[in-house]
N, C-alpha and C. Protein backbone atom coordinates (compact mmCIF):
# COMPACT_ATOMS: atom_id res chain seq x y z
N MET A 1 104.36 101.36 133.30
CA MET A 1 105.01 102.30 132.04
C MET A 1 105.97 101.87 131.52
N ARG A 2 106.82 101.48 132.83
CA ARG A 2 108.32 100.71 131.84
C ARG A 2 108.54 100.13 130.67
N ARG A 3 107.27 98.60 131.28
CA ARG A 3 106.81 97.38 130.44
C ARG A 3 106.87 97.73 129.16
N ILE A 4 105.50 98.87 128.84
CA ILE A 4 104.55 99.29 127.93
C ILE A 4 105.47 100.12 126.96
N VAL A 5 106.70 100.89 127.13
CA VAL A 5 107.95 101.42 126.84
C VAL A 5 108.43 100.39 126.09
N VAL A 6 108.44 99.03 126.60
CA VAL A 6 110.01 97.81 126.65
C VAL A 6 109.32 97.88 125.12
N TYR A 7 107.82 97.29 125.21
CA TYR A 7 107.55 96.50 124.28
C TYR A 7 106.68 97.40 123.37
N CYS A 8 107.38 98.48 123.48
CA CYS A 8 106.91 99.91 122.21
C CYS A 8 107.94 99.77 121.65
N LEU A 9 109.29 99.59 121.74
CA LEU A 9 110.18 99.72 122.06
C LEU A 9 110.55 98.43 120.72
N PHE A 10 109.73 97.86 121.45
CA PHE A 10 110.53 96.44 120.30
C PHE A 10 109.39 96.30 119.74
N LEU A 11 108.06 96.39 119.49
CA LEU A 11 107.04 96.29 118.65
C LEU A 11 107.56 97.24 117.26
N LEU A 12 108.12 98.15 117.66
CA LEU A 12 109.23 99.34 116.69
C LEU A 12 110.28 98.98 115.86
N SER A 13 110.88 97.13 116.30
CA SER A 13 112.17 98.03 116.26
C SER A 13 111.94 96.17 115.25
N ALA A 14 110.71 95.29 115.23
CA ALA A 14 110.07 94.32 115.06
C ALA A 14 109.27 94.45 113.68
N LEU A 15 109.04 95.77 113.43
CA LEU A 15 108.86 96.27 112.16
C LEU A 15 109.84 96.77 111.31
N SER A 16 111.44 96.97 111.92
CA SER A 16 111.87 96.99 111.19
C SER A 16 113.58 96.54 111.38
N VAL A 17 113.77 95.02 112.04
CA VAL A 17 114.44 94.32 112.59
C VAL A 17 115.75 94.83 111.83
N SER A 18 116.89 95.79 113.33
CA SER A 18 118.21 96.35 112.40
C SER A 18 119.08 95.17 112.54
N ALA A 19 119.69 94.40 111.30
CA ALA A 19 120.76 93.33 111.50
C ALA A 19 121.76 93.70 111.43
N GLY A 20 123.18 92.92 111.37
CA GLY A 20 124.35 93.54 112.16
C GLY A 20 124.45 93.76 113.40
N VAL A 21 125.89 93.06 113.90
CA VAL A 21 126.66 93.16 115.24
C VAL A 21 125.79 94.04 116.08
N ASP A 22 126.72 95.10 115.51
CA ASP A 22 126.58 96.44 115.80
C ASP A 22 124.93 96.79 116.80
N ASN A 23 124.10 97.34 115.60
CA ASN A 23 122.68 97.39 115.86
C ASN A 23 122.22 96.29 116.63
N ILE A 24 122.74 94.96 116.76
CA ILE A 24 121.40 94.39 117.50
C ILE A 24 122.31 94.36 119.04
N TYR A 25 123.40 94.83 119.15
CA TYR A 25 124.02 94.58 120.54
C TYR A 25 123.48 96.47 121.33
N ARG A 26 123.14 97.44 120.27
CA ARG A 26 122.76 98.58 120.60
C ARG A 26 121.02 98.75 121.16
N LEU A 27 120.37 97.68 120.30
CA LEU A 27 119.31 97.24 120.60
C LEU A 27 119.19 96.54 122.28
N LEU A 28 120.12 95.86 122.35
CA LEU A 28 120.01 94.86 123.85
C LEU A 28 120.56 96.12 124.42
N TYR A 29 120.87 96.80 124.49
CA TYR A 29 121.53 98.07 125.32
C TYR A 29 120.74 98.85 125.72
N ASP A 30 119.62 99.61 124.53
CA ASP A 30 118.46 100.04 125.15
C ASP A 30 117.32 99.26 125.87
N LEU A 31 117.37 97.76 125.48
CA LEU A 31 115.89 97.50 126.48
C LEU A 31 116.49 97.10 127.74
N LYS A 32 118.16 97.27 127.88
CA LYS A 32 118.74 96.95 129.18
C LYS A 32 118.03 98.66 129.57
N GLN A 33 118.30 99.71 129.50
CA GLN A 33 118.17 101.04 130.11
C GLN A 33 116.55 100.98 130.70
N LEU A 34 116.09 100.53 129.34
CA LEU A 34 114.48 100.76 129.97
C LEU A 34 114.05 99.64 131.53
N GLY A 35 115.00 98.97 131.04
CA GLY A 35 114.71 97.86 132.63
C GLY A 35 114.82 95.96 132.18
N SER A 36 114.54 96.68 131.14
CA SER A 36 114.22 94.99 130.45
C SER A 36 115.35 94.29 130.97
N THR A 37 115.34 92.63 130.82
CA THR A 37 116.05 91.97 130.77
C THR A 37 117.36 90.85 129.34
N PRO A 38 117.18 91.92 128.28
CA PRO A 38 117.38 90.97 127.16
C PRO A 38 118.62 89.77 127.63
N THR A 39 118.97 88.81 126.62
CA THR A 39 119.98 87.86 126.79
C THR A 39 120.26 87.10 125.82
N ILE A 40 121.53 86.78 125.89
CA ILE A 40 122.13 85.41 125.11
C ILE A 40 121.59 84.22 125.27
N VAL A 41 120.91 83.33 124.75
CA VAL A 41 120.69 82.38 124.88
C VAL A 41 121.23 81.26 124.60
N GLU A 42 122.11 81.32 123.45
CA GLU A 42 122.38 80.09 122.56
C GLU A 42 123.17 81.01 121.65
N GLN A 43 124.41 80.16 121.56
CA GLN A 43 126.04 81.06 120.33
C GLN A 43 126.12 80.35 120.28
N GLN A 44 126.27 79.78 118.89
CA GLN A 44 127.09 78.86 118.13
C GLN A 44 127.38 78.33 117.09
N GLY A 45 128.65 79.35 116.47
CA GLY A 45 129.62 79.09 115.12
C GLY A 45 128.97 80.78 114.66
N SER A 46 128.08 80.36 113.70
CA SER A 46 127.63 82.45 113.25
C SER A 46 126.17 82.22 113.67
N TYR A 47 125.62 81.66 114.49
CA TYR A 47 123.88 81.82 114.94
C TYR A 47 124.20 82.39 116.39
N THR A 48 123.62 83.36 116.74
CA THR A 48 122.77 83.62 117.76
C THR A 48 121.58 83.94 118.05
N ARG A 49 121.42 83.11 119.21
CA ARG A 49 119.75 83.38 119.80
C ARG A 49 119.56 84.53 120.87
N PHE A 50 118.97 85.45 120.83
CA PHE A 50 118.72 86.40 122.18
C PHE A 50 117.55 86.18 122.03
N GLN A 51 116.63 86.70 123.59
CA GLN A 51 115.75 86.34 124.30
C GLN A 51 115.42 87.72 124.39
N LEU A 52 114.73 88.45 123.71
CA LEU A 52 114.71 89.99 124.77
C LEU A 52 113.66 90.00 125.37
N THR A 53 112.59 89.25 125.19
CA THR A 53 111.59 89.24 126.69
C THR A 53 111.09 87.95 126.94
N ASP A 54 110.14 88.28 127.24
CA ASP A 54 109.52 86.73 127.92
C ASP A 54 108.96 86.30 126.82
N SER A 55 108.41 87.26 125.92
CA SER A 55 107.48 86.33 124.76
C SER A 55 108.25 86.56 123.04
N THR A 56 109.63 87.34 123.08
CA THR A 56 110.38 87.81 121.73
C THR A 56 111.43 87.11 122.17
N THR A 57 112.11 85.97 121.07
CA THR A 57 113.31 86.12 120.76
C THR A 57 113.42 86.72 118.90
N LEU A 58 114.94 86.69 119.33
CA LEU A 58 115.89 87.43 117.67
C LEU A 58 116.64 86.52 117.45
N GLU A 59 116.90 85.56 115.98
CA GLU A 59 117.85 84.70 116.39
C GLU A 59 118.43 85.71 114.37
N VAL A 60 120.06 85.10 114.48
CA VAL A 60 120.83 86.26 113.89
C VAL A 60 121.63 84.88 113.52
N TYR A 61 121.67 84.83 112.14
CA TYR A 61 122.38 84.24 110.99
C TYR A 61 123.92 85.11 110.15
N GLU A 62 124.74 85.02 111.35
CA GLU A 62 125.77 86.43 110.58
C GLU A 62 126.63 85.37 109.39
N SER A 63 126.22 86.05 108.75
CA SER A 63 127.23 85.35 106.77
C SER A 63 127.74 86.65 106.18
N LEU A 64 127.92 86.81 105.00
CA LEU A 64 128.72 87.80 103.92
C LEU A 64 127.30 89.22 104.32
N ASN A 65 126.16 88.76 104.28
CA ASN A 65 124.58 89.19 104.53
C ASN A 65 124.25 88.15 106.08
N ASP A 66 123.84 89.31 106.91
CA ASP A 66 123.38 88.45 107.84
C ASP A 66 121.63 87.72 108.06
N ILE A 67 121.27 86.97 107.75
CA ILE A 67 119.84 86.24 108.09
C ILE A 67 118.81 86.69 109.55
N VAL A 68 118.06 88.05 109.64
CA VAL A 68 117.58 87.68 110.94
C VAL A 68 116.02 86.76 110.86
N VAL A 69 115.96 86.94 112.01
CA VAL A 69 114.40 85.85 112.09
C VAL A 69 114.02 86.73 113.34
N MET A 70 112.74 87.57 113.57
CA MET A 70 112.30 88.10 114.70
C MET A 70 111.30 87.29 115.39
N THR A 71 110.87 86.55 116.34
CA THR A 71 109.65 85.73 116.09
C THR A 71 109.21 86.53 117.18
N VAL A 72 107.62 86.50 117.80
CA VAL A 72 106.89 87.78 118.54
C VAL A 72 105.64 86.07 118.84
N CYS A 73 105.59 85.88 120.49
CA CYS A 73 104.10 85.28 121.00
C CYS A 73 103.39 86.30 121.51
N ALA A 74 102.41 86.40 121.41
CA ALA A 74 101.38 87.07 122.30
C ALA A 74 100.13 86.69 122.22
N PRO A 75 99.24 85.77 122.27
CA PRO A 75 100.47 84.30 122.82
C PRO A 75 100.43 83.71 121.81
N GLN A 76 99.75 83.65 120.51
CA GLN A 76 100.33 82.48 119.14
C GLN A 76 102.01 83.57 118.76
N CYS A 77 102.40 82.49 118.66
CA CYS A 77 103.79 83.06 118.15
C CYS A 77 103.46 83.31 116.68
N SER A 78 104.41 84.08 116.35
CA SER A 78 104.91 84.50 114.50
C SER A 78 105.88 85.11 114.65
N SER A 79 106.86 84.72 113.06
CA SER A 79 108.04 85.17 112.62
C SER A 79 108.21 86.32 111.77
N ARG A 80 109.24 86.84 111.43
CA ARG A 80 109.47 87.78 110.66
C ARG A 80 110.55 87.15 110.42
N ALA A 81 111.46 87.35 108.60
CA ALA A 81 112.85 87.12 108.50
C ALA A 81 112.96 87.85 107.37
N GLY A 82 114.53 88.64 106.85
CA GLY A 82 114.79 89.18 106.46
C GLY A 82 116.33 89.09 106.35
N VAL A 83 116.74 89.39 104.99
CA VAL A 83 118.60 89.20 104.40
C VAL A 83 119.38 91.07 105.16
N TYR A 84 119.71 91.02 105.78
CA TYR A 84 120.11 92.20 105.87
C TYR A 84 121.53 92.88 105.29
N ASN A 85 122.13 93.89 105.26
CA ASN A 85 123.43 94.20 105.21
C ASN A 85 123.85 94.42 105.94
N LYS A 86 125.63 94.59 106.07
CA LYS A 86 126.04 94.89 107.87
C LYS A 86 125.72 96.20 108.26
N GLU A 87 125.63 96.83 107.40
CA GLU A 87 124.64 98.51 107.83
C GLU A 87 123.48 98.20 108.05
N GLY A 88 122.75 97.11 108.59
CA GLY A 88 121.35 97.61 108.99
C GLY A 88 120.60 97.30 107.68
N GLU A 89 120.85 97.81 106.46
CA GLU A 89 119.28 97.82 105.21
C GLU A 89 119.24 96.80 104.92
N LEU A 90 118.20 96.73 104.87
CA LEU A 90 116.67 95.15 104.52
C LEU A 90 117.38 95.35 102.93
N LEU A 91 117.49 93.94 102.63
CA LEU A 91 117.95 93.92 101.59
C LEU A 91 116.56 92.81 100.85
N PHE A 92 116.19 92.19 101.33
CA PHE A 92 114.79 91.67 101.04
C PHE A 92 114.43 90.49 102.15
N PRO A 93 112.57 90.77 102.01
CA PRO A 93 112.37 90.07 103.39
C PRO A 93 111.99 88.84 103.30
N ILE A 94 112.18 87.80 103.23
CA ILE A 94 112.34 86.36 103.63
C ILE A 94 110.70 85.76 103.67
N GLU A 95 110.04 85.57 103.03
CA GLU A 95 108.67 85.10 102.89
C GLU A 95 108.80 83.59 102.86
N PRO A 96 107.14 83.23 103.99
CA PRO A 96 106.86 81.75 103.74
C PRO A 96 106.31 81.22 102.60
N SER A 97 106.96 79.89 102.43
CA SER A 97 106.75 79.31 101.22
C SER A 97 105.02 79.05 101.41
N VAL A 98 104.47 78.60 102.53
CA VAL A 98 102.43 79.09 101.92
C VAL A 98 102.08 80.14 102.89
N THR A 99 100.98 80.17 102.82
CA THR A 99 100.36 81.57 103.35
C THR A 99 99.56 81.60 104.27
N SER A 100 100.08 82.46 105.72
CA SER A 100 99.65 81.72 106.99
C SER A 100 99.33 83.10 107.64
N ILE A 101 98.18 83.32 108.85
CA ILE A 101 98.58 84.52 109.10
C ILE A 101 99.31 84.24 110.16
N PHE A 102 99.81 83.49 110.68
CA PHE A 102 101.29 83.43 112.34
C PHE A 102 102.07 82.37 111.30
N PRO A 103 102.78 82.81 110.10
CA PRO A 103 104.20 81.82 109.96
C PRO A 103 105.45 81.75 111.27
N LEU A 104 105.62 80.70 111.45
CA LEU A 104 106.79 80.87 112.22
C LEU A 104 107.81 80.16 111.67
N ALA A 105 109.22 80.98 111.70
CA ALA A 105 110.07 80.04 111.44
C ALA A 105 111.15 79.64 111.88
N THR A 106 111.62 78.65 111.75
CA THR A 106 112.57 77.41 112.20
C THR A 106 114.08 77.81 111.83
N MET A 107 115.27 78.45 112.21
CA MET A 107 116.52 78.81 111.82
C MET A 107 117.37 76.94 111.88
N ASP A 108 117.70 76.62 111.22
CA ASP A 108 118.83 76.17 111.14
C ASP A 108 120.35 76.69 111.77
N LYS A 109 120.84 76.36 113.17
CA LYS A 109 121.74 76.96 113.49
C LYS A 109 123.26 77.02 112.33
N GLU A 110 123.66 75.38 112.08
CA GLU A 110 124.76 75.34 111.34
C GLU A 110 124.61 76.12 109.65
N SER A 111 123.40 76.20 109.28
CA SER A 111 123.52 76.65 107.57
C SER A 111 122.58 78.39 107.42
N GLY A 112 122.12 78.61 108.81
CA GLY A 112 121.09 79.60 108.51
C GLY A 112 120.29 79.71 107.16
N SER A 113 119.75 77.75 107.24
CA SER A 113 118.54 77.93 106.13
C SER A 113 117.62 78.46 106.87
N LEU A 114 115.91 78.37 106.76
CA LEU A 114 115.19 78.82 107.57
C LEU A 114 113.52 77.17 107.07
N GLU A 115 113.19 77.09 107.90
CA GLU A 115 112.42 76.30 108.02
C GLU A 115 110.46 76.83 108.29
N TRP A 116 109.88 77.56 107.35
CA TRP A 116 108.83 77.64 107.72
C TRP A 116 107.39 76.63 108.54
N THR A 117 106.91 76.97 108.95
CA THR A 117 105.55 76.27 109.38
C THR A 117 104.28 76.85 109.41
N ASP A 118 103.31 76.30 109.39
CA ASP A 118 102.04 76.50 109.66
C ASP A 118 101.51 77.32 110.77
N ASN A 119 101.60 78.42 112.08
CA ASN A 119 101.50 78.34 113.06
C ASN A 119 100.07 78.98 113.53
N ASP A 120 98.99 78.51 112.59
CA ASP A 120 97.35 79.07 112.35
C ASP A 120 96.02 78.47 113.40
N THR A 121 96.87 76.94 114.10
CA THR A 121 96.09 76.40 114.50
C THR A 121 95.88 76.89 116.16
N TRP A 122 94.97 76.47 116.18
CA TRP A 122 94.51 77.88 117.70
C TRP A 122 93.22 76.30 118.74
N GLU A 123 94.05 75.77 119.41
CA GLU A 123 93.31 74.72 120.89
C GLU A 123 92.22 75.72 121.54
N TYR A 124 91.17 75.45 121.12
CA TYR A 124 90.31 76.31 122.40
C TYR A 124 89.56 75.03 123.06
């Protein structure tokens, strides 16, 4: 049951990813309280990558306005991205340049720029 609650909490947060360091750490604290073990996987300058669950990562590039990428794999990976102000309000979503059912974003750790790939390839 606890695992279901953790995934539901994550899915709700994926719909409205909150930026800003305080909001990110609040999300990590809430996940820990529910029995999950989110960790900081990588930190380099303004870039931080969190592992929220086995199948979920959150990448944040801190600048004047934060760039946030949430990637969920279930089992096919897909990303959502947006630019948020320090209060955690979405300023605008970042859309992939190509239409894709499962767009996958890769964030440059030094500049925060995104590269989108089409992750619709299925292997049978």
